[in-house]
Amino acid sequence: MVGCPSRQAAGFIRTTVRPQHLLCRKTTDWHVEQEMVQVDKSENITGSGTRPRTPPSTDRHSVISPARKSSSKASSPPFKSYINFLSNTNDDWNIDDAEDMYIYESDDGDDFGLPSLSNMKRRTRKMTEQSKTAAENGLGNDSPSGHESRRRMSDSADIAVERPACMYPMPKKSEGKILRPQYKEILRDPANALHLINYPTIPPNATQKEIDEINSRITRINKFKRLLQASTISLPELRALAWSGVPQEVRAMTWQLLLSYLPTSAERRVATLERKRKEYLDGVRQAFEKGGPQAASSGRTGGRGLDEAIWHQISIDVPRTNPHIELYGYEATQRSLERILYVWAVRHPASGYVQGINDLVTPFWQVFLGMYITDPDIESGMDPGQLPKAVLDAVEADSFWCLTKLLDGIQDHYIVAQPGIQRQVAALRDLTARIDAGLARHLEKENVEFIQFSFRWMNCLLMREISVKNTIRMWDTYMAEEQGFSEFHLYVCAAFLVKWSDRLVKMDFQEIMMFLQSLPTRDWTEKDIELLLSEAYIWQSLFKGSSAHLRGQGQGSSSQAGALAPGATKNFQL
């Protein structure tokens, strides 16, 4: 993967934004010099509206990127060659014009592989020029991606000035998704959606295999439905059922129960939802209000209670979140994600906002939005801004609280020194040596440090390696596990790494790093995810809580796992 100008390789550096400062910390074997950059808060900001504005690009203060040090390992030619490769490819970023370089000089890009703002602007400008040329030549726009050239400018006061001119997709009228007429009942109690399930139908010319699959799916939906309609829901039974995947029709309510956001008692559900949603919306108003008590007590700029350092980073990261999915290009989606991330950051000052958290909120947002739409595919052809405000408020509040529940279990991934990630990276190295000793020895021979590629796996929970839809399926199992995000994820990463063993042992350092930064998972389906989860379950059964005497038995462990697999593999059938 080609790195951005101010970083050596995507995914190796963690950027944490906290109140009053930005902090970049040292990552093992990459020798990033620790440096604290204070953000000047003396600037006055004026303007109308209830949402904050970032300072104009001509007056704002640039955040200086921390200095990078070259590796001190003189005896590591592959490492040097990889660094030289990155240095050469970084020259490609210097082709922008002087205006772009001035405006985006403080944009160091996403630490985990997403495009920088200047790159996005160049791409938008190029597409606009191509569209203009096509129009002059009288060519129509019938391509599947035609919405890219039919975009409108937004005059929203919420858009940060230092961003490139935001372009939002315009769905075709024929592509509009249908809001459920009973959305008000679903807002009041998600259990009301259980009466509106559209069961799959059997096509006239379906084969026997297809008929069996559809009948199996209907049976599985009914199992969830019976469980969710109980006056008191049994979480152990729900976990056991959810491990093998949750049908899309009942996923939103199931997730909220498994994360303990919804109470298991039907009597308390309505009052709890109303209270939690109101609490979040009050928090949004408090965080963004002008001249509130926060601004007076903290001395923040503009008298609006806004922490500029946090807001600056969030306003950069949100437009780069899932840029390949149309749903996340709409203004309503981006504004919602900004509010969720900002409110979470100011409520958790121990960690603040960290790049990568913007990815973790998207599965919740997408799943909860889908509960109110009749079409199961909401990734394209639907502008959330066209939905009733009450629906967007509920989706936003529910996503915030479920993100909070998730991060509460792995918050040590994002605090100072990142002890959670450091611990999991070390555990992954040890686990790989037990599962596949040959791969572990080859990585050591090529001077590949696990922190160099697995840091992103732990920080973003593999969301940069796997599509959102497949991530949603994987999270079904994570939530069914008692410690899915904090413990089971480690075994998923081990199974994920070992899966590519046959290729990796034939590569040198540079090839390994480039391959692991851009794994061939684009065409993965739910079956691939279920196989990965099944293998992870085997490794967890073998090694969770195992003593040190298992160390170094990598080859034997693989054969042992093969013998155990028929009985130990989680059954994904009914």
Protein backbone atom coordinates (compact mmCIF):
# COMPACT_ATOMS: atom_id res chain seq x y z
CA MET A 1 0.00 0.00 0.00
CA VAL A 2 1.29 3.41 -0.89
CA GLY A 3 1.82 5.53 2.16
CA CYS A 4 0.88 9.16 2.69
CA PRO A 5 3.68 11.74 2.75
CA SER A 6 3.92 12.02 6.49
CA ARG A 7 3.77 8.39 7.47
CA GLN A 8 5.98 5.44 6.71
CA ALA A 9 3.30 2.82 6.22
CA ALA A 10 -0.44 2.72 6.69
CA GLY A 11 -1.54 1.13 9.89
CA PHE A 12 1.68 1.43 11.86
CA ILE A 13 1.06 4.73 13.64
CA ARG A 14 -1.74 5.58 16.01
CA THR A 15 -3.10 9.09 16.21
CA THR A 16 -5.06 9.99 19.32
CA VAL A 17 -6.83 13.32 19.63
CA ARG A 18 -7.62 14.54 23.10
CA PRO A 19 -8.84 17.80 24.52
CA GLN A 20 -6.29 20.54 24.00
CA HIS A 21 -3.73 18.49 22.13
CA LEU A 22 -2.84 15.84 19.55
CA LEU A 23 -0.68 12.95 20.56
CA CYS A 24 1.29 10.57 18.36
CA ARG A 25 2.93 7.70 20.19
CA LYS A 26 5.81 5.39 19.60
CA THR A 27 5.07 2.08 17.87
CA THR A 28 7.40 -0.89 18.27
CA ASP A 29 10.29 -1.06 15.78
CA TRP A 30 9.13 1.92 13.81
CA HIS A 31 10.78 4.45 16.13
CA VAL A 32 8.23 7.20 15.86
CA GLU A 33 9.42 10.07 17.98
CA GLN A 34 6.91 10.96 20.69
CA GLU A 35 5.86 14.54 20.34
CA MET A 36 3.13 16.68 21.86
CA VAL A 37 1.61 19.42 19.75
CA GLN A 38 -0.46 22.03 21.53
CA VAL A 39 -3.30 23.54 19.54
CA ASP A 40 -3.77 27.26 19.89
CA LYS A 41 -7.27 27.98 21.15
CA SER A 42 -7.13 31.77 21.08
CA GLU A 43 -8.94 32.14 17.76
CA ASN A 44 -12.39 33.73 17.72
CA ILE A 45 -14.96 31.97 15.59
CA THR A 46 -18.15 33.61 14.48
CA GLY A 47 -21.16 32.37 12.60
CA SER A 48 -24.74 31.37 13.02
CA GLY A 49 -26.30 27.98 13.47
CA THR A 50 -26.44 25.43 16.25
CA ARG A 51 -23.57 23.24 14.98
CA PRO A 52 -19.87 24.20 15.24
CA ARG A 53 -17.70 25.44 12.42
CA THR A 54 -14.00 24.79 12.12
CA PRO A 55 -11.80 27.86 11.56
CA PRO A 56 -11.29 29.12 7.99
CA SER A 57 -8.38 27.54 6.19
CA THR A 58 -6.58 30.88 5.81
CA ASP A 59 -6.53 31.52 9.55
CA ARG A 60 -6.37 28.10 11.08
CA HIS A 61 -3.22 26.76 12.71
CA SER A 62 -1.45 23.85 11.10
CA VAL A 63 -0.80 20.78 13.19
CA ILE A 64 2.81 19.84 12.67
CA SER A 65 3.38 16.21 11.80
CA PRO A 66 5.77 14.44 14.18
CA ALA A 67 9.27 13.78 12.93
CA ARG A 68 10.02 10.30 11.64
CA LYS A 69 13.23 8.48 12.38
CA SER A 70 14.74 5.92 10.09
CA SER A 71 15.36 2.46 11.43
CA SER A 72 18.56 1.91 13.35
CA LYS A 73 18.84 -1.68 12.14
CA ALA A 74 21.72 -1.36 9.73
CA SER A 75 21.75 -5.13 9.23
CA SER A 76 18.25 -5.30 7.77
CA PRO A 77 18.40 -4.73 3.99
CA PRO A 78 14.76 -5.82 3.40
CA PHE A 79 13.58 -3.25 5.89
CA LYS A 80 15.65 -0.53 4.20
CA SER A 81 14.40 -1.57 0.80
CA TYR A 82 10.82 -1.31 2.00
CA ILE A 83 11.42 2.17 3.43
CA ASN A 84 13.08 3.27 0.16
CA PHE A 85 10.09 1.90 -1.72
CA LEU A 86 7.73 3.98 0.41
CA SER A 87 9.92 7.08 0.01
CA ASN A 88 9.85 6.73 -3.76
CA THR A 89 6.11 6.23 -3.93
CA ASN A 90 5.59 9.24 -1.68
CA ASP A 91 6.93 11.41 -4.50
CA ASP A 92 3.64 10.82 -6.30
CA TRP A 93 1.92 13.00 -3.71
CA ASN A 94 3.90 16.07 -4.79
CA ILE A 95 2.12 16.53 -8.12
CA ASP A 96 -0.62 18.70 -6.63
CA ASP A 97 -0.68 22.40 -7.36
CA ALA A 98 0.50 25.07 -4.96
CA GLU A 99 -2.98 25.89 -3.71
CA ASP A 100 -3.62 22.30 -2.70
CA MET A 101 -0.28 22.07 -0.94
CA TYR A 102 -1.06 25.16 1.06
CA ILE A 103 -4.53 24.10 2.11
CA TYR A 104 -3.69 20.52 2.97
CA GLU A 105 -0.20 20.80 4.37
CA SER A 106 -1.40 19.63 7.81
CA ASP A 107 -3.35 16.66 6.47
CA ASP A 108 -1.26 13.61 7.29
CA GLY A 109 -3.85 11.20 5.98
CA ASP A 110 -5.46 8.29 7.74
CA ASP A 111 -3.05 6.13 9.69
CA PHE A 112 -4.85 2.99 8.57
CA GLY A 113 -4.87 3.26 4.80
CA LEU A 114 -7.73 5.57 3.78
CA PRO A 115 -7.08 8.28 1.18
CA SER A 116 -5.92 11.72 2.21
CA LEU A 117 -8.05 14.80 1.63
CA SER A 118 -5.85 16.10 -1.17
CA ASN A 119 -6.08 12.73 -2.89
CA MET A 120 -9.87 12.79 -2.61
CA LYS A 121 -9.96 16.32 -4.02
CA ARG A 122 -7.78 15.37 -6.97
CA ARG A 123 -10.01 12.39 -7.65
CA THR A 124 -13.16 14.54 -7.51
CA ARG A 125 -11.59 17.14 -9.83
CA LYS A 126 -10.51 14.45 -12.28
CA MET A 127 -13.96 12.89 -12.34
CA THR A 128 -15.55 16.31 -12.88
CA GLU A 129 -13.25 16.99 -15.83
CA GLN A 130 -14.04 13.57 -17.31
CA SER A 131 -17.75 14.19 -16.89
CA LYS A 132 -17.43 17.62 -18.58
CA THR A 133 -15.52 16.10 -21.48
CA ALA A 134 -18.15 13.38 -21.87
CA ALA A 135 -20.91 15.99 -21.86
CA GLU A 136 -19.15 18.06 -24.54
CA ASN A 137 -18.85 14.95 -26.69
CA GLY A 138 -22.54 14.22 -26.25
CA LEU A 139 -21.96 11.03 -24.33
CA GLY A 140 -24.61 9.84 -21.89
CA ASN A 141 -23.95 8.61 -18.38
CA ASP A 142 -25.41 5.15 -18.14
CA SER A 143 -22.61 3.54 -16.18
CA PRO A 144 -23.34 1.83 -12.85
CA SER A 145 -21.30 4.49 -11.11
CA GLY A 146 -23.06 7.32 -12.88
CA HIS A 147 -24.16 8.89 -9.61
CA GLU A 148 -20.56 10.00 -9.08
CA SER A 149 -20.89 12.69 -11.75
CA ARG A 150 -24.41 13.77 -10.78
CA ARG A 151 -23.62 15.32 -7.44
CA ARG A 152 -24.66 18.55 -5.81
CA MET A 153 -22.77 21.00 -3.67
CA SER A 154 -23.97 21.38 -0.10
CA ASP A 155 -24.29 24.73 1.64
CA SER A 156 -24.57 23.19 5.11
CA ALA A 157 -22.97 25.25 7.86
CA ASP A 158 -21.77 22.00 9.43
CA ILE A 159 -19.13 21.32 6.78
CA ALA A 160 -15.61 22.16 7.90
CA VAL A 161 -13.99 24.87 5.80
CA GLU A 162 -10.70 23.04 5.47
CA ARG A 163 -12.30 20.05 3.74
CA PRO A 164 -12.35 19.89 -0.04
CA ALA A 165 -15.62 20.97 -1.61
CA CYS A 166 -17.93 18.19 -0.46
CA MET A 167 -19.81 16.36 -3.18
CA TYR A 168 -22.73 14.17 -2.18
CA PRO A 169 -24.33 11.45 -4.32
CA MET A 170 -27.81 11.99 -5.72
CA PRO A 171 -29.87 8.77 -5.90
CA LYS A 172 -32.15 8.17 -8.86
CA LYS A 173 -35.83 8.54 -8.11
CA SER A 174 -36.36 4.93 -9.11
CA GLU A 175 -33.79 3.86 -6.52
CA GLY A 176 -35.53 5.44 -3.53
CA LYS A 177 -35.89 3.00 -0.65
CA ILE A 178 -39.26 2.66 1.01
CA LEU A 179 -39.72 3.69 4.64
CA ARG A 180 -41.85 1.25 6.61
CA PRO A 181 -45.31 2.80 7.17
CA GLN A 182 -45.21 1.45 10.73
CA TYR A 183 -41.94 3.21 11.57
CA LYS A 184 -43.50 5.04 14.52
CA GLU A 185 -44.39 1.74 16.19
CA ILE A 186 -40.86 0.44 15.56
CA LEU A 187 -39.41 3.63 17.06
CA ARG A 188 -41.42 3.03 20.19
CA ASP A 189 -40.49 -0.67 20.51
CA PRO A 190 -38.22 -2.62 18.11
CA ALA A 191 -40.22 -5.76 18.89
CA ASN A 192 -43.00 -4.32 16.73
CA ALA A 193 -40.81 -4.95 13.69
CA LEU A 194 -41.11 -8.70 14.34
CA HIS A 195 -44.68 -8.57 13.03
CA LEU A 196 -43.53 -6.98 9.75
CA ILE A 197 -40.99 -9.57 8.62
CA ASN A 198 -41.05 -10.29 4.89
CA TYR A 199 -40.22 -13.97 4.64
CA PRO A 200 -38.28 -15.14 1.58
CA THR A 201 -40.37 -16.75 -1.12
CA ILE A 202 -39.53 -19.83 -3.15
CA PRO A 203 -39.07 -19.08 -6.88
CA PRO A 204 -41.11 -21.23 -9.29
CA ASN A 205 -38.06 -22.85 -10.90
CA ALA A 206 -36.02 -23.27 -7.72
CA THR A 207 -33.88 -26.37 -7.31
CA GLN A 208 -34.28 -28.66 -4.32
CA LYS A 209 -31.12 -27.24 -2.80
CA GLU A 210 -32.45 -23.69 -3.10
CA ILE A 211 -35.78 -24.75 -1.61
CA ASP A 212 -34.02 -26.33 1.35
CA GLU A 213 -31.92 -23.20 1.93
CA ILE A 214 -34.99 -20.94 1.90
CA ASN A 215 -36.91 -23.22 4.25
CA SER A 216 -33.90 -23.37 6.55
CA ARG A 217 -33.74 -19.58 6.61
CA ILE A 218 -37.45 -19.28 7.41
CA THR A 219 -37.11 -21.78 10.23
CA ARG A 220 -34.16 -19.84 11.65
CA ILE A 221 -36.03 -16.52 11.51
CA ASN A 222 -38.92 -18.09 13.40
CA LYS A 223 -36.58 -19.36 16.10
CA PHE A 224 -35.31 -15.83 16.71
CA LYS A 225 -38.82 -14.43 16.52
CA ARG A 226 -40.17 -16.77 19.22
CA LEU A 227 -37.24 -15.95 21.47
CA LEU A 228 -37.47 -12.17 20.98
CA GLN A 229 -41.22 -12.06 21.58
CA ALA A 230 -40.92 -13.55 25.07
CA SER A 231 -41.83 -11.30 28.00
CA THR A 232 -38.37 -12.01 29.44
CA ILE A 233 -35.67 -12.89 26.90
CA SER A 234 -33.07 -15.53 27.78
CA LEU A 235 -29.67 -14.10 26.86
CA PRO A 236 -27.85 -17.50 27.01
CA GLU A 237 -30.34 -18.93 24.50
CA LEU A 238 -30.05 -15.84 22.33
CA ARG A 239 -26.24 -16.05 22.35
CA ALA A 240 -26.31 -19.72 21.41
CA LEU A 241 -28.64 -18.99 18.51
CA ALA A 242 -26.76 -15.89 17.34
CA TRP A 243 -23.31 -17.55 17.21
CA SER A 244 -24.08 -19.04 13.80
CA GLY A 245 -25.37 -15.74 12.43
CA VAL A 246 -28.39 -13.51 12.90
CA PRO A 247 -30.94 -13.06 10.10
CA GLN A 248 -31.03 -9.51 8.79
CA GLU A 249 -34.73 -9.23 9.69
CA VAL A 250 -34.06 -9.53 13.45
CA ARG A 251 -30.45 -8.36 13.70
CA ALA A 252 -31.00 -4.83 15.05
CA MET A 253 -32.99 -5.92 18.10
CA THR A 254 -30.73 -8.93 18.69
CA TRP A 255 -27.59 -6.79 18.73
CA GLN A 256 -29.12 -4.28 21.14
CA LEU A 257 -30.03 -7.11 23.52
CA LEU A 258 -26.66 -8.87 23.30
CA LEU A 259 -24.87 -5.59 24.09
CA SER A 260 -27.21 -5.03 27.07
CA TYR A 261 -28.48 -1.78 25.57
CA LEU A 262 -32.03 -3.09 25.54
CA PRO A 263 -33.33 -4.70 28.74
CA THR A 264 -34.42 -8.32 28.53
CA SER A 265 -37.76 -7.43 30.14
CA ALA A 266 -40.42 -6.35 27.65
CA GLU A 267 -42.03 -4.14 30.27
CA ARG A 268 -38.93 -1.96 30.66
CA ARG A 269 -38.00 -1.76 26.99
CA VAL A 270 -40.09 1.24 25.91
CA ALA A 271 -39.17 3.42 28.88
CA THR A 272 -35.47 2.54 28.61
CA LEU A 273 -35.30 3.41 24.91
CA GLU A 274 -37.05 6.71 25.45
CA ARG A 275 -34.75 7.65 28.32
CA LYS A 276 -31.48 6.67 26.59
CA ARG A 277 -32.36 8.42 23.34
CA LYS A 278 -33.30 11.59 25.18
CA GLU A 279 -30.06 11.43 27.16
CA TYR A 280 -28.02 11.23 23.97
CA LEU A 281 -29.85 14.09 22.26
CA ASP A 282 -29.38 16.22 25.39
CA GLY A 283 -25.69 15.35 25.26
CA VAL A 284 -25.48 16.50 21.64
CA ARG A 285 -27.08 19.83 22.48
CA GLN A 286 -24.77 20.30 25.43
CA ALA A 287 -21.66 19.41 23.42
CA PHE A 288 -22.43 21.76 20.55
CA GLU A 289 -24.26 24.61 22.24
CA LYS A 290 -22.88 28.13 21.89
CA GLY A 291 -21.75 29.93 25.02
CA GLY A 292 -22.59 26.97 27.26
CA PRO A 293 -21.07 26.20 30.65
CA GLN A 294 -18.37 24.01 29.06
CA ALA A 295 -17.04 26.92 27.03
CA ALA A 296 -16.92 29.23 30.03
CA SER A 297 -15.17 26.72 32.28
CA SER A 298 -12.66 25.36 29.78
CA GLY A 299 -11.83 28.53 27.90
CA ARG A 300 -12.59 27.00 24.53
CA THR A 301 -12.69 29.17 21.48
CA GLY A 302 -15.70 30.82 20.00
CA GLY A 303 -17.78 30.45 23.14
CA ARG A 304 -19.35 27.29 21.78
CA GLY A 305 -18.06 24.47 24.01
CA LEU A 306 -16.27 22.81 21.10
CA ASP A 307 -12.88 21.16 21.45
CA GLU A 308 -11.21 22.14 18.19
CA ALA A 309 -8.55 19.41 18.25
CA ILE A 310 -11.11 16.62 18.49
CA TRP A 311 -13.47 18.21 16.00
CA HIS A 312 -10.67 18.84 13.51
CA GLN A 313 -9.65 15.17 13.36
CA ILE A 314 -13.22 13.87 13.25
CA SER A 315 -14.13 16.29 10.44
CA ILE A 316 -11.18 14.91 8.45
CA ASP A 317 -11.86 11.22 9.11
CA VAL A 318 -15.62 11.06 8.58
CA PRO A 319 -15.57 11.92 4.83
CA ARG A 320 -13.02 9.13 4.37
CA THR A 321 -15.15 6.51 6.14
CA ASN A 322 -16.17 3.75 3.71
CA PRO A 323 -15.68 6.07 0.69
CA HIS A 324 -16.55 3.24 -1.69
CA ILE A 325 -20.09 2.89 -0.26
CA GLU A 326 -22.67 5.42 -1.44
CA LEU A 327 -24.56 5.47 1.88
CA TYR A 328 -21.58 7.04 3.64
CA GLY A 329 -21.19 9.77 1.05
CA TYR A 330 -24.46 11.47 1.96
CA GLU A 331 -24.39 14.58 4.09
CA ALA A 332 -26.95 13.26 6.59
CA THR A 333 -24.81 10.17 7.21
CA GLN A 334 -21.62 12.16 7.71
CA ARG A 335 -23.21 14.70 10.04
CA SER A 336 -24.66 11.88 12.14
CA LEU A 337 -21.31 10.08 12.41
CA GLU A 338 -19.60 13.34 13.38
CA ARG A 339 -22.00 13.91 16.27
CA ILE A 340 -21.69 10.32 17.52
CA LEU A 341 -17.88 10.39 17.48
CA TYR A 342 -17.57 13.85 19.01
CA VAL A 343 -19.98 13.18 21.88
CA TRP A 344 -18.26 9.86 22.60
CA ALA A 345 -14.82 11.52 22.60
CA VAL A 346 -15.71 14.32 25.02
CA ARG A 347 -17.37 11.80 27.33
CA HIS A 348 -14.26 9.61 27.39
CA PRO A 349 -11.32 11.97 27.98
CA ALA A 350 -9.03 9.10 29.02
CA SER A 351 -8.81 8.04 25.39
CA GLY A 352 -10.43 10.81 23.39
CA TYR A 353 -11.08 10.25 19.71
CA VAL A 354 -8.78 7.78 17.96
CA GLN A 355 -8.60 7.11 14.24
CA GLY A 356 -10.31 3.79 13.63
CA ILE A 357 -13.27 4.41 15.93
CA ASN A 358 -14.97 6.04 12.96
CA ASP A 359 -15.01 2.59 11.33
CA LEU A 360 -16.42 0.83 14.38
CA VAL A 361 -19.60 2.90 14.47
CA THR A 362 -20.62 2.13 10.88
CA PRO A 363 -21.94 -1.45 11.34
CA PHE A 364 -24.28 -0.21 14.07
CA TRP A 365 -25.46 2.75 12.00
CA GLN A 366 -26.10 0.57 8.95
CA VAL A 367 -27.89 -2.23 10.83
CA PHE A 368 -30.12 0.08 12.87
CA LEU A 369 -31.04 2.18 9.84
CA GLY A 370 -32.05 -0.97 7.97
CA MET A 371 -34.71 -1.74 10.57
CA TYR A 372 -36.86 1.11 9.25
CA ILE A 373 -36.41 0.38 5.52
CA THR A 374 -38.22 -2.29 3.53
CA ASP A 375 -35.29 -2.90 1.16
CA PRO A 376 -32.54 -4.94 2.85
CA ASP A 377 -29.82 -3.32 0.69
CA ILE A 378 -29.38 0.21 2.00
CA GLU A 379 -25.77 0.75 0.93
CA SER A 380 -26.88 2.49 -2.26
CA GLY A 381 -29.82 4.36 -3.70
CA MET A 382 -31.04 5.94 -0.47
CA ASP A 383 -30.31 9.34 1.03
CA PRO A 384 -30.89 9.11 4.81
CA GLY A 385 -31.56 12.85 4.82
CA GLN A 386 -34.93 12.14 3.21
CA LEU A 387 -36.09 10.12 6.22
CA PRO A 388 -38.08 11.59 9.15
CA LYS A 389 -35.93 13.31 11.74
CA ALA A 390 -37.27 11.01 14.47
CA VAL A 391 -35.88 7.98 12.61
CA LEU A 392 -32.42 9.51 12.15
CA ASP A 393 -32.33 10.62 15.79
CA ALA A 394 -33.18 7.10 16.95
CA VAL A 395 -30.60 5.46 14.66
CA GLU A 396 -27.97 7.93 15.83
CA ALA A 397 -28.72 7.51 19.54
CA ASP A 398 -28.89 3.71 19.36
CA SER A 399 -25.59 3.63 17.43
CA PHE A 400 -23.93 5.87 20.02
CA TRP A 401 -24.93 3.71 22.98
CA CYS A 402 -24.02 0.43 21.28
CA LEU A 403 -20.64 1.84 20.21
CA THR A 404 -20.13 2.87 23.83
CA LYS A 405 -20.95 -0.67 25.02
CA LEU A 406 -18.49 -2.14 22.53
CA LEU A 407 -15.65 0.25 23.38
CA ASP A 408 -16.17 -0.17 27.12
CA GLY A 409 -14.84 -3.71 26.70
CA ILE A 410 -11.73 -2.69 24.73
CA GLN A 411 -11.06 0.84 25.93
CA ASP A 412 -7.50 -0.09 26.92
CA HIS A 413 -6.85 -0.28 23.15
CA TYR A 414 -7.09 3.49 22.98
CA ILE A 415 -5.67 4.91 26.21
CA VAL A 416 -2.09 6.08 26.75
CA ALA A 417 0.49 3.44 25.72
CA GLN A 418 -2.26 1.29 24.18
CA PRO A 419 -1.79 -1.63 26.59
CA GLY A 420 -4.69 -3.58 25.11
CA ILE A 421 -3.32 -3.56 21.57
CA GLN A 422 0.23 -4.24 22.73
CA ARG A 423 -1.02 -7.22 24.73
CA GLN A 424 -3.03 -8.64 21.84
CA VAL A 425 -0.20 -8.19 19.32
CA ALA A 426 2.15 -10.12 21.65
CA ALA A 427 -0.50 -12.81 22.12
CA LEU A 428 -0.99 -13.08 18.34
CA ARG A 429 2.77 -13.56 17.85
CA ASP A 430 2.82 -16.34 20.45
CA LEU A 431 -0.33 -17.96 19.09
CA THR A 432 0.99 -17.96 15.53
CA ALA A 433 4.16 -19.71 16.71
CA ARG A 434 2.01 -22.45 18.22
CA ILE A 435 -0.34 -22.84 15.26
CA ASP A 436 2.15 -22.47 12.37
CA ALA A 437 5.76 -22.55 13.48
CA GLY A 438 7.02 -22.42 9.89
CA LEU A 439 5.22 -19.16 9.20
CA ALA A 440 6.41 -17.66 12.49
CA ARG A 441 10.03 -18.53 11.69
CA HIS A 442 9.75 -17.07 8.19
CA LEU A 443 8.32 -13.79 9.49
CA GLU A 444 11.15 -13.59 12.01
CA LYS A 445 13.72 -14.37 9.33
CA GLU A 446 12.39 -11.54 7.15
CA ASN A 447 12.44 -9.13 10.12
CA VAL A 448 8.67 -8.71 10.03
CA GLU A 449 7.34 -7.43 13.33
CA PHE A 450 3.74 -8.31 14.15
CA ILE A 451 3.05 -4.74 15.24
CA GLN A 452 3.71 -3.62 11.67
CA PHE A 453 0.63 -5.32 10.24
CA SER A 454 -1.55 -6.48 13.15
CA PHE A 455 -1.80 -3.10 14.87
CA ARG A 456 -4.51 -2.13 12.40
CA TRP A 457 -6.22 -5.50 12.83
CA MET A 458 -6.60 -4.84 16.54
CA ASN A 459 -7.34 -1.13 16.32
CA CYS A 460 -10.00 -1.40 13.61
CA LEU A 461 -11.17 -4.97 14.35
CA LEU A 462 -10.30 -6.10 10.79
CA MET A 463 -12.74 -3.60 9.28
CA ARG A 464 -10.09 -2.36 6.82
CA GLU A 465 -9.56 -5.93 5.63
CA ILE A 466 -13.19 -7.11 5.37
CA SER A 467 -16.26 -5.46 3.85
CA VAL A 468 -18.91 -3.87 6.06
CA LYS A 469 -21.44 -6.56 5.19
CA ASN A 470 -19.02 -9.33 6.12
CA THR A 471 -18.01 -7.43 9.25
CA ILE A 472 -21.67 -7.34 10.29
CA ARG A 473 -21.85 -11.12 9.96
CA MET A 474 -18.64 -11.50 11.96
CA TRP A 475 -20.00 -9.25 14.71
CA ASP A 476 -23.01 -11.56 15.09
CA THR A 477 -20.58 -14.12 16.49
CA TYR A 478 -18.51 -11.58 18.42
CA MET A 479 -21.60 -10.43 20.30
CA ALA A 480 -22.64 -14.02 20.95
CA GLU A 481 -19.29 -14.63 22.66
CA GLU A 482 -18.92 -13.43 26.26
CA GLN A 483 -15.70 -11.56 25.36
CA GLY A 484 -15.97 -11.49 21.59
CA PHE A 485 -14.28 -8.18 20.84
CA SER A 486 -11.59 -8.43 23.50
CA GLU A 487 -10.69 -12.15 23.38
CA PHE A 488 -12.26 -14.09 20.51
CA HIS A 489 -11.05 -11.47 18.04
CA LEU A 490 -7.48 -12.57 18.80
CA TYR A 491 -8.21 -16.10 17.54
CA VAL A 492 -9.96 -14.70 14.47
CA CYS A 493 -6.80 -12.70 13.68
CA ALA A 494 -4.68 -15.84 14.12
CA ALA A 495 -6.91 -17.82 11.77
CA PHE A 496 -6.85 -14.88 9.35
CA LEU A 497 -3.05 -14.73 9.30
CA VAL A 498 -2.49 -18.47 9.04
CA LYS A 499 -4.97 -18.60 6.14
CA TRP A 500 -2.36 -16.90 3.94
CA SER A 501 0.58 -18.98 5.20
CA ASP A 502 1.28 -20.79 1.92
CA ARG A 503 1.73 -17.47 0.13
CA LEU A 504 3.54 -15.59 2.88
CA VAL A 505 6.36 -18.15 3.30
CA LYS A 506 7.34 -17.53 -0.34
CA MET A 507 7.62 -13.73 0.06
CA ASP A 508 10.34 -11.39 1.24
CA PHE A 509 9.84 -8.50 3.65
CA GLN A 510 8.54 -5.98 1.14
CA GLU A 511 6.18 -8.47 -0.51
CA ILE A 512 4.83 -9.60 2.86
CA MET A 513 4.07 -6.07 4.00
CA MET A 514 2.41 -5.05 0.75
CA PHE A 515 0.35 -8.25 0.66
CA LEU A 516 -0.86 -7.91 4.26
CA GLN A 517 -1.78 -4.28 3.65
CA SER A 518 -4.04 -5.23 0.72
CA LEU A 519 -5.36 -8.73 1.26
CA PRO A 520 -7.51 -10.36 -1.47
CA THR A 521 -10.79 -10.41 0.47
CA ARG A 522 -12.88 -8.25 -1.87
CA ASP A 523 -14.90 -11.22 -3.13
CA TRP A 524 -15.40 -12.88 0.24
CA THR A 525 -18.91 -14.01 1.13
CA GLU A 526 -20.58 -15.00 4.40
CA LYS A 527 -19.35 -18.56 3.80
CA ASP A 528 -15.75 -17.34 3.92
CA ILE A 529 -16.46 -15.48 7.16
CA GLU A 530 -18.13 -18.51 8.71
CA LEU A 531 -15.15 -20.69 7.79
CA LEU A 532 -12.82 -18.13 9.39
CA LEU A 533 -14.94 -18.04 12.56
CA SER A 534 -15.03 -21.84 12.67
CA GLU A 535 -11.24 -22.03 12.50
CA ALA A 536 -10.95 -19.34 15.16
CA TYR A 537 -13.21 -21.41 17.42
CA ILE A 538 -10.86 -24.37 17.01
CA TRP A 539 -7.82 -22.33 18.05
CA GLN A 540 -9.70 -20.91 21.00
CA SER A 541 -10.74 -24.42 22.10
CA LEU A 542 -7.13 -25.58 21.88
CA PHE A 543 -5.19 -22.68 23.30
CA LYS A 544 -7.39 -20.49 25.50
CA GLY A 545 -5.93 -20.72 28.97
CA SER A 546 -3.24 -23.16 27.82
CA SER A 547 0.01 -23.31 29.77
CA ALA A 548 3.50 -22.46 28.52
CA HIS A 549 4.34 -26.08 27.70
CA LEU A 550 2.34 -25.72 24.47
CA ARG A 551 4.87 -23.17 23.25
CA GLY A 552 6.81 -24.31 20.22
CA GLN A 553 4.42 -27.10 19.25
CA GLY A 554 3.19 -25.27 16.14
CA GLN A 555 3.33 -28.20 13.71
CA GLY A 556 1.86 -30.64 16.18
CA SER A 557 -0.85 -28.18 17.02
CA SER A 558 -2.00 -28.04 13.44
CA SER A 559 -2.41 -31.81 13.24
CA GLN A 560 -4.08 -31.82 16.61
CA ALA A 561 -6.51 -29.18 15.38
CA GLY A 562 -7.26 -31.30 12.34
CA ALA A 563 -8.19 -34.21 14.56
CA LEU A 564 -10.33 -31.99 16.74
CA ALA A 565 -12.02 -30.09 13.93
CA PRO A 566 -15.01 -32.39 13.25
CA GLY A 567 -16.21 -32.15 16.81
CA ALA A 568 -14.93 -28.74 17.80
CA THR A 569 -16.00 -26.68 14.81
CA LYS A 570 -19.05 -24.56 15.52
CA ASN A 571 -22.03 -25.85 13.61
CA PHE A 572 -23.47 -23.22 11.27
CA GLN A 573 -26.44 -25.40 10.38
CA LEU A 574 -29.74 -25.61 12.20
